[in-house]
């Protein structure tokens, strides 16, 4: 998704760098003071955007979210943020995120980063089977070796003093070899179901005296409700690979690896375009399925692949169906322990002619005789 956002060309960080140079790497107090100064500027810029002002110039950022069931009534939203037009090779990016209720007025004044008490709440391990592309895909993962358990970074409701549903900030270091454009980073947020406005503010950080640039993305955010009791599907995640995780991950990795779900990690495709010589899969979770004999669900999954023809999509192929029940689920699968049903389906990309496609997934709850449907679109280009 390509969004138009606000660009500001002069930030306090850049001004401080020109006046006295970037803070010494060995002085954490100076580095933190500079970070807080830049963060206050980003918050003030975000407040101005929330109030409707425009600060000249444009910069395109890409934002691609997915919606899954969190815990304690929340919706978990991992997303990829693409910085398409940064002006140089910064050593890091400063990122500030805010989720406000739709129609919520911004605070008066500059704003400050105080009041954020963050906690980490872990999701119970899910059962997301590893697909065929899990171990053999040719693309290298930009996230290194996988580790284990999904953590939700969310506001501690009792300690939080800020006015927003979610608020967070962090510095994203650009690893050597990752300076290419566009730069893609992944983070996540967790909010109750509802209608919100998301703000993501980003600024370049570096040692150069060149002028740092900043941008604010403003985007409506409708957090889906997966807690209604009826069968439902998470977002369908177009994945370049699904990897088994060997061990639980620490908090630092959790914040950088938001697609580590249960005992697997999903690596989303960058964008929606696939080459014919690439492999890909679709991964998702299933919620609210009724429990039959032995306390196990019984769910059937059908996959219909459609190809664009003119202004509409026409059926192209059916992919192998799947059945999740007492016969096929792992022995350790326990809905009472919070385990989630999940599925992975390989996409036959190498056998698809170039074009635009839509994959429809229909899940049938055999216990309650109800169904749910979701879809994801993608394009195939010639190898």
Protein backbone atom coordinates (compact mmCIF):
# COMPACT_ATOMS: atom_id res chain seq x y z
CA UNK A 1 0.00 0.00 0.00
CA UNK A 2 1.54 3.32 -1.07
CA UNK A 3 0.58 6.22 1.14
CA UNK A 4 1.24 9.93 0.95
CA UNK A 5 2.75 11.30 4.10
CA UNK A 6 4.17 14.55 5.44
CA UNK A 7 7.85 15.39 4.98
CA UNK A 8 9.82 17.72 7.18
CA UNK A 9 13.35 18.59 6.11
CA UNK A 10 14.85 20.07 9.26
CA UNK A 11 14.75 18.17 12.52
CA UNK A 12 16.39 18.93 15.83
CA UNK A 13 18.62 15.91 15.33
CA UNK A 14 20.02 17.36 12.13
CA UNK A 15 20.46 20.78 13.72
CA UNK A 16 22.29 19.29 16.68
CA UNK A 17 24.49 17.23 14.37
CA UNK A 18 25.49 20.30 12.37
CA UNK A 19 26.17 22.33 15.48
CA UNK A 20 28.16 19.85 17.52
CA UNK A 21 28.31 16.56 15.64
CA UNK A 22 26.46 13.37 16.41
CA UNK A 23 26.69 12.13 20.01
CA UNK A 24 29.69 9.96 20.71
CA UNK A 25 28.94 6.29 20.32
CA UNK A 26 30.57 5.59 23.66
CA UNK A 27 28.47 8.09 25.62
CA UNK A 28 25.04 6.53 26.21
CA UNK A 29 23.76 9.56 28.16
CA UNK A 30 24.44 11.94 25.28
CA UNK A 31 22.98 9.47 22.80
CA UNK A 32 19.82 9.10 24.88
CA UNK A 33 19.49 12.87 25.29
CA UNK A 34 19.77 13.33 21.51
CA UNK A 35 17.24 10.55 20.96
CA UNK A 36 14.75 12.13 23.36
CA UNK A 37 15.20 15.51 21.66
CA UNK A 38 14.55 13.98 18.24
CA UNK A 39 11.61 12.02 19.66
CA UNK A 40 10.01 15.20 21.03
CA UNK A 41 10.29 16.69 17.55
CA UNK A 42 8.66 13.63 16.00
CA UNK A 43 5.82 13.76 18.52
CA UNK A 44 5.29 17.46 17.86
CA UNK A 45 5.22 16.78 14.12
CA UNK A 46 2.74 13.95 14.66
CA UNK A 47 0.52 16.24 16.73
CA UNK A 48 0.58 18.80 13.92
CA UNK A 49 -0.42 16.18 11.36
CA UNK A 50 -3.18 14.93 13.67
CA UNK A 51 -4.47 18.50 13.90
CA UNK A 52 -4.66 18.72 10.12
CA UNK A 53 -1.62 20.82 9.29
CA UNK A 54 0.65 20.10 6.34
CA UNK A 55 4.36 20.82 6.43
CA UNK A 56 5.29 21.04 2.73
CA UNK A 57 6.75 18.31 0.56
CA UNK A 58 5.82 14.64 0.22
CA UNK A 59 7.47 11.30 0.91
CA UNK A 60 5.99 7.88 0.13
CA UNK A 61 5.99 5.20 2.81
CA UNK A 62 4.56 1.71 2.43
CA UNK A 63 2.52 0.07 5.19
CA UNK A 64 1.32 -3.55 4.94
CA UNK A 65 -0.56 -4.86 8.02
CA UNK A 66 -2.01 -8.23 8.98
CA UNK A 67 -4.64 -8.88 11.64
CA UNK A 68 -4.59 -11.81 14.06
CA UNK A 69 -6.19 -12.70 17.35
CA UNK A 70 -4.15 -11.46 20.29
CA UNK A 71 -4.89 -12.18 23.91
CA UNK A 72 -7.17 -10.68 26.55
CA UNK A 73 -9.67 -9.52 23.93
CA UNK A 74 -7.12 -7.72 21.78
CA UNK A 75 -6.26 -7.74 18.09
CA UNK A 76 -2.62 -8.31 17.19
CA UNK A 77 -1.40 -6.27 14.20
CA UNK A 78 2.07 -7.13 12.84
CA UNK A 79 3.07 -4.96 9.91
CA UNK A 80 5.85 -4.13 7.46
CA UNK A 81 6.89 -0.50 7.06
CA UNK A 82 8.79 0.37 3.88
CA UNK A 83 10.86 3.56 3.70
CA UNK A 84 11.06 4.13 -0.04
CA UNK A 85 12.88 7.40 -0.47
CA UNK A 86 15.37 8.02 2.31
CA UNK A 87 17.97 10.47 1.09
CA UNK A 88 21.16 8.76 2.17
CA UNK A 89 22.40 5.75 4.08
CA UNK A 90 21.53 6.49 7.71
CA UNK A 91 22.96 4.40 10.51
CA UNK A 92 19.48 4.09 12.03
CA UNK A 93 15.88 5.25 11.91
CA UNK A 94 13.98 6.70 14.85
CA UNK A 95 10.39 5.41 14.80
CA UNK A 96 7.44 6.73 16.83
CA UNK A 97 4.07 4.94 16.70
CA UNK A 98 0.69 6.06 17.99
CA UNK A 99 -2.82 4.63 17.76
CA UNK A 100 -5.62 7.08 18.57
CA UNK A 101 -9.36 6.63 18.58
CA UNK A 102 -10.99 7.83 15.37
CA UNK A 103 -11.88 11.49 15.94
CA UNK A 104 -9.62 11.87 18.98
CA UNK A 105 -8.16 15.37 19.16
CA UNK A 106 -4.37 15.72 19.49
CA UNK A 107 -2.97 17.23 22.70
CA UNK A 108 -2.23 20.94 22.87
CA UNK A 109 1.46 21.79 22.76
CA UNK A 110 4.57 19.93 21.66
CA UNK A 111 3.87 16.68 23.36
CA UNK A 112 6.37 14.54 25.22
CA UNK A 113 7.33 10.86 25.28
CA UNK A 114 6.66 10.42 29.00
CA UNK A 115 3.95 8.17 30.41
CA UNK A 116 4.56 5.05 28.36
CA UNK A 117 4.77 1.97 30.56
CA UNK A 118 5.21 -0.99 28.24
CA UNK A 119 4.67 -4.62 29.10
CA UNK A 120 5.13 -7.82 27.13
CA UNK A 121 2.34 -10.38 27.05
CA UNK A 122 3.00 -13.71 25.32
CA UNK A 123 0.52 -15.54 23.13
CA UNK A 124 -0.02 -19.18 23.91
CA UNK A 125 1.74 -21.40 21.38
CA UNK A 126 -0.34 -22.07 18.30
CA UNK A 127 -0.30 -24.98 15.94
CA UNK A 128 0.72 -23.51 12.59
CA UNK A 129 1.96 -26.43 10.45
CA UNK A 130 5.17 -25.89 8.53
CA UNK A 131 4.47 -25.75 4.79
CA UNK A 132 6.48 -27.20 1.94
CA UNK A 133 8.42 -23.98 1.39
CA UNK A 134 9.63 -23.90 4.99
CA UNK A 135 13.07 -25.34 4.36
CA UNK A 136 13.84 -24.95 0.68
CA UNK A 137 12.94 -21.45 -0.48
CA UNK A 138 15.67 -19.68 -2.42
CA UNK A 139 15.13 -16.25 -0.98
CA UNK A 140 17.34 -15.54 2.01
CA UNK A 141 15.54 -14.34 5.11
CA UNK A 142 16.41 -10.77 6.18
CA UNK A 143 15.62 -11.68 9.77
CA UNK A 144 18.32 -14.29 10.49
CA UNK A 145 17.72 -17.54 12.36
CA UNK A 146 14.28 -18.01 13.85
CA UNK A 147 13.55 -18.37 17.52
CA UNK A 148 10.44 -19.14 19.45
CA UNK A 149 7.48 -17.37 20.95
CA UNK A 150 5.29 -14.48 19.94
CA UNK A 151 5.24 -11.53 22.32
CA UNK A 152 2.71 -8.73 22.14
CA UNK A 153 4.04 -5.32 23.04
CA UNK A 154 1.12 -3.43 24.48
CA UNK A 155 0.28 -0.68 26.89
CA UNK A 156 0.07 -1.64 30.56
CA UNK A 157 -3.45 -0.36 31.20
CA UNK A 158 -2.97 0.18 34.92
CA UNK A 159 0.31 2.05 34.60
CA UNK A 160 -0.29 3.93 31.35
CA UNK A 161 -0.71 7.66 31.71
CA UNK A 162 -0.81 8.60 28.04
CA UNK A 163 -4.03 9.44 26.20
CA UNK A 164 -3.63 6.89 23.40
CA UNK A 165 -4.62 3.28 22.89
CA UNK A 166 -1.06 2.44 21.89
CA UNK A 167 2.15 4.48 21.91
CA UNK A 168 5.72 3.35 21.40
CA UNK A 169 9.09 4.50 20.11
CA UNK A 170 12.35 2.82 19.22
CA UNK A 171 15.55 3.19 17.25
CA UNK A 172 15.98 0.76 14.35
CA UNK A 173 19.63 0.23 13.54
CA UNK A 174 20.50 -0.32 9.89
CA UNK A 175 22.66 -3.41 9.71
CA UNK A 176 25.60 -3.50 7.28
CA UNK A 177 24.34 -4.57 3.88
CA UNK A 178 20.81 -3.30 4.61
CA UNK A 179 21.42 0.25 3.39
CA UNK A 180 19.72 -0.43 0.07
CA UNK A 181 16.48 1.31 -0.84
CA UNK A 182 13.74 0.72 -0.04
CA UNK A 183 14.40 -0.14 3.58
CA UNK A 184 11.87 -2.51 5.14
CA UNK A 185 11.30 -2.99 8.85
CA UNK A 186 8.69 -4.92 10.78
CA UNK A 187 6.97 -4.13 14.06
CA UNK A 188 3.62 -4.89 15.73
CA UNK A 189 0.98 -3.37 17.95
CA UNK A 190 -1.93 -4.76 19.95
CA UNK A 191 -5.21 -2.91 20.50
CA UNK A 192 -8.81 -3.77 21.38
CA UNK A 193 -11.09 -4.25 18.35
CA UNK A 194 -12.29 -0.90 17.06
CA UNK A 195 -11.91 2.01 14.66
CA UNK A 196 -8.66 3.93 15.05
CA UNK A 197 -6.15 6.19 13.34
CA UNK A 198 -2.55 4.99 13.14
CA UNK A 199 0.38 7.41 13.07
CA UNK A 200 3.92 6.25 12.31
CA UNK A 201 6.63 8.92 12.36
CA UNK A 202 10.11 8.12 11.06
CA UNK A 203 13.31 10.14 10.94
CA UNK A 204 16.78 9.35 9.66
CA UNK A 205 19.56 9.11 12.23
CA UNK A 206 23.25 9.25 11.36
CA UNK A 207 26.64 10.83 11.86
CA UNK A 208 26.53 12.92 8.69
CA UNK A 209 25.95 16.65 8.88
CA UNK A 210 23.56 16.31 5.97
CA UNK A 211 20.01 17.30 6.71
CA UNK A 212 17.96 14.47 8.20
CA UNK A 213 14.49 13.91 6.79
CA UNK A 214 11.37 12.82 8.62
CA UNK A 215 7.93 11.64 7.60
CA UNK A 216 4.61 10.92 9.30
CA UNK A 217 2.23 8.29 8.01
CA UNK A 218 -1.44 8.68 8.90
CA UNK A 219 -3.66 5.68 8.17
CA UNK A 220 -7.14 4.53 9.24
CA UNK A 221 -6.88 1.34 11.27
CA UNK A 222 -9.85 -0.99 11.69
CA UNK A 223 -8.85 -3.64 14.22
CA UNK A 224 -10.94 -6.71 13.48
CA UNK A 225 -12.79 -8.54 16.25
CA UNK A 226 -11.86 -12.23 16.46
CA UNK A 227 -13.59 -12.74 19.81
CA UNK A 228 -17.21 -13.13 18.71
CA UNK A 229 -17.31 -16.91 19.03
CA UNK A 230 -18.13 -17.75 15.39
CA UNK A 231 -15.53 -19.30 13.11
CA UNK A 232 -13.27 -16.66 11.52
CA UNK A 233 -9.93 -16.32 9.78
CA UNK A 234 -6.95 -14.10 10.41
CA UNK A 235 -5.48 -12.16 7.53
CA UNK A 236 -4.13 -14.41 4.80
CA UNK A 237 -0.37 -13.84 4.89
CA UNK A 238 1.44 -14.24 1.59
CA UNK A 239 4.70 -15.84 2.74
CA UNK A 240 8.02 -16.50 1.10
CA UNK A 241 8.75 -19.07 3.81
CA UNK A 242 7.47 -20.52 7.08
CA UNK A 243 10.17 -21.65 9.49
CA UNK A 244 10.08 -23.84 12.58
CA UNK A 245 11.41 -22.08 15.68
CA UNK A 246 13.97 -23.93 17.80
CA UNK A 247 13.58 -22.05 21.11
CA UNK A 248 11.71 -19.18 22.77
CA UNK A 249 12.92 -15.76 21.75
CA UNK A 250 13.93 -12.97 24.08
CA UNK A 251 12.19 -9.62 24.30
CA UNK A 252 14.64 -7.87 21.96
CA UNK A 253 14.00 -10.39 19.22
CA UNK A 254 10.26 -10.33 19.86
CA UNK A 255 10.08 -6.65 19.01
CA UNK A 256 12.00 -7.20 15.77
CA UNK A 257 10.28 -10.41 14.70
CA UNK A 258 6.52 -9.78 14.99
CA UNK A 259 5.63 -12.65 12.63
CA UNK A 260 6.99 -15.29 15.01
CA UNK A 261 3.70 -16.98 15.90
CA UNK A 262 3.55 -19.95 18.20
CA UNK A 263 6.18 -22.46 17.15
CA UNK A 264 6.70 -21.00 13.66
CA UNK A 265 7.88 -17.79 12.07
CA UNK A 266 6.28 -16.45 8.91
CA UNK A 267 8.41 -14.38 6.54
CA UNK A 268 5.94 -12.26 4.51
CA UNK A 269 6.57 -11.56 0.86
CA UNK A 270 7.84 -8.04 0.25
CA UNK A 271 4.96 -6.57 -1.71
CA UNK A 272 2.50 -8.67 -3.69
CA UNK A 273 4.45 -9.62 -6.81
CA UNK A 274 5.98 -13.07 -7.29
CA UNK A 275 8.36 -14.29 -9.99
CA UNK A 276 7.65 -17.63 -11.64
CA UNK A 277 10.94 -19.05 -10.35
CA UNK A 278 10.07 -18.23 -6.73
CA UNK A 279 8.18 -20.30 -4.21
CA UNK A 280 5.51 -18.92 -1.92
CA UNK A 281 2.72 -20.02 0.40
CA UNK A 282 -0.26 -18.57 2.20
CA UNK A 283 -0.41 -18.88 5.99
CA UNK A 284 -3.25 -18.05 8.39
CA UNK A 285 -4.96 -18.92 11.65
CA UNK A 286 -8.53 -20.08 12.31
CA UNK A 287 -10.53 -18.93 15.34
CA UNK A 288 -13.82 -19.87 16.98
CA UNK A 289 -14.18 -23.41 15.63
CA UNK A 290 -16.56 -25.59 17.62
CA UNK A 291 -15.23 -28.58 19.54
CA UNK A 292 -16.55 -32.04 18.78
CA UNK A 293 -15.87 -35.46 20.25
CA UNK A 294 -12.76 -35.56 22.40
CA UNK A 295 -12.63 -31.76 22.60
CA UNK A 296 -11.16 -31.45 19.10
CA UNK A 297 -12.34 -29.16 16.29
CA UNK A 298 -13.31 -30.47 12.86
CA UNK A 299 -12.54 -27.96 10.12
CA UNK A 300 -12.39 -28.28 6.35
CA UNK A 301 -10.42 -25.81 4.20
CA UNK A 302 -11.01 -25.20 0.49
CA UNK A 303 -8.75 -23.12 -1.76
CA UNK A 304 -9.98 -21.54 -5.00
CA UNK A 305 -7.47 -19.71 -7.20
CA UNK A 306 -8.94 -17.12 -9.56
CA UNK A 307 -7.21 -15.24 -12.38
CA UNK A 308 -8.08 -11.76 -13.57
CA UNK A 309 -9.78 -11.59 -16.97
CA UNK A 310 -10.74 -8.07 -17.92
CA UNK A 311 -12.54 -6.39 -15.04
CA UNK A 312 -13.33 -9.57 -13.13
CA UNK A 313 -11.75 -12.72 -11.75
CA UNK A 314 -12.56 -16.16 -13.13
CA UNK A 315 -11.80 -19.56 -11.55
CA UNK A 316 -8.37 -20.84 -12.58
CA UNK A 317 -7.64 -23.84 -10.33
CA UNK A 318 -8.49 -25.50 -7.05
CA UNK A 319 -5.63 -26.19 -4.69
CA UNK A 320 -5.55 -29.29 -2.46
CA UNK A 321 -8.11 -29.12 0.35
CA UNK A 322 -7.19 -29.71 3.98
CA UNK A 323 -8.97 -31.24 6.96
CA UNK A 324 -8.06 -30.35 10.55
CA UNK A 325 -9.62 -32.73 13.07
CA UNK A 326 -8.82 -35.42 15.62
CA UNK A 327 -7.16 -37.56 12.94
CA UNK A 328 -4.84 -34.89 11.51
CA UNK A 329 -4.04 -32.52 14.38
CA UNK A 330 -0.91 -33.10 16.49
CA UNK A 331 -1.45 -35.11 19.67
CA UNK A 332 -0.31 -32.12 21.75
CA UNK A 333 -2.91 -29.78 20.25
CA UNK A 334 -5.07 -28.49 23.11
CA UNK A 335 -7.69 -25.75 22.52
CA UNK A 336 -8.16 -25.41 26.29
CA UNK A 337 -4.50 -24.38 26.57
CA UNK A 338 -5.05 -21.62 24.03
CA UNK A 339 -3.59 -23.36 20.99
CA UNK A 340 -4.80 -21.86 17.72
CA UNK A 341 -5.63 -23.72 14.55
CA UNK A 342 -3.41 -22.74 11.65
CA UNK A 343 -2.75 -23.76 8.08
CA UNK A 344 -0.16 -23.28 5.35
CA UNK A 345 -0.87 -23.89 1.66
CA UNK A 346 1.82 -23.84 -1.02
CA UNK A 347 1.12 -21.73 -4.10
CA UNK A 348 2.01 -23.26 -7.50
CA UNK A 349 3.74 -20.09 -8.68
CA UNK A 350 6.02 -21.81 -11.20
CA UNK A 351 3.00 -23.24 -13.03
CA UNK A 352 1.00 -20.01 -13.15
CA UNK A 353 1.01 -17.79 -16.26
CA UNK A 354 1.94 -14.15 -15.59
CA UNK A 355 -1.06 -12.14 -14.44
CA UNK A 356 -3.20 -11.00 -11.51
CA UNK A 357 -4.61 -13.60 -9.12
CA UNK A 358 -6.96 -13.89 -6.17
CA UNK A 359 -6.86 -16.78 -3.70
CA UNK A 360 -10.13 -17.42 -1.87
CA UNK A 361 -10.00 -19.54 1.27
CA UNK A 362 -13.20 -21.01 2.69
CA UNK A 363 -13.15 -22.60 6.13
CA UNK A 364 -16.07 -24.80 7.18
CA UNK A 365 -16.69 -25.57 10.84
CA UNK A 366 -18.14 -29.09 10.63
CA UNK A 367 -19.17 -29.08 14.30
CA UNK A 368 -21.37 -25.97 14.05
CA UNK A 369 -22.12 -26.17 10.30
CA UNK A 370 -20.90 -22.61 9.70
CA UNK A 371 -18.23 -21.18 7.43
CA UNK A 372 -16.00 -18.15 6.92
CA UNK A 373 -14.11 -16.84 3.91
CA UNK A 374 -11.09 -14.64 3.27
CA UNK A 375 -9.06 -13.70 0.20
CA UNK A 376 -5.65 -12.35 -0.77
CA UNK A 377 -4.54 -10.99 -4.13
CA UNK A 378 -1.13 -11.26 -5.75
CA UNK A 379 0.59 -10.92 -9.12
CA UNK A 380 2.85 -13.33 -10.99
CA UNK A 381 5.52 -11.96 -13.31
CA UNK A 382 7.56 -13.82 -15.89
CA UNK A 383 10.79 -15.32 -14.59
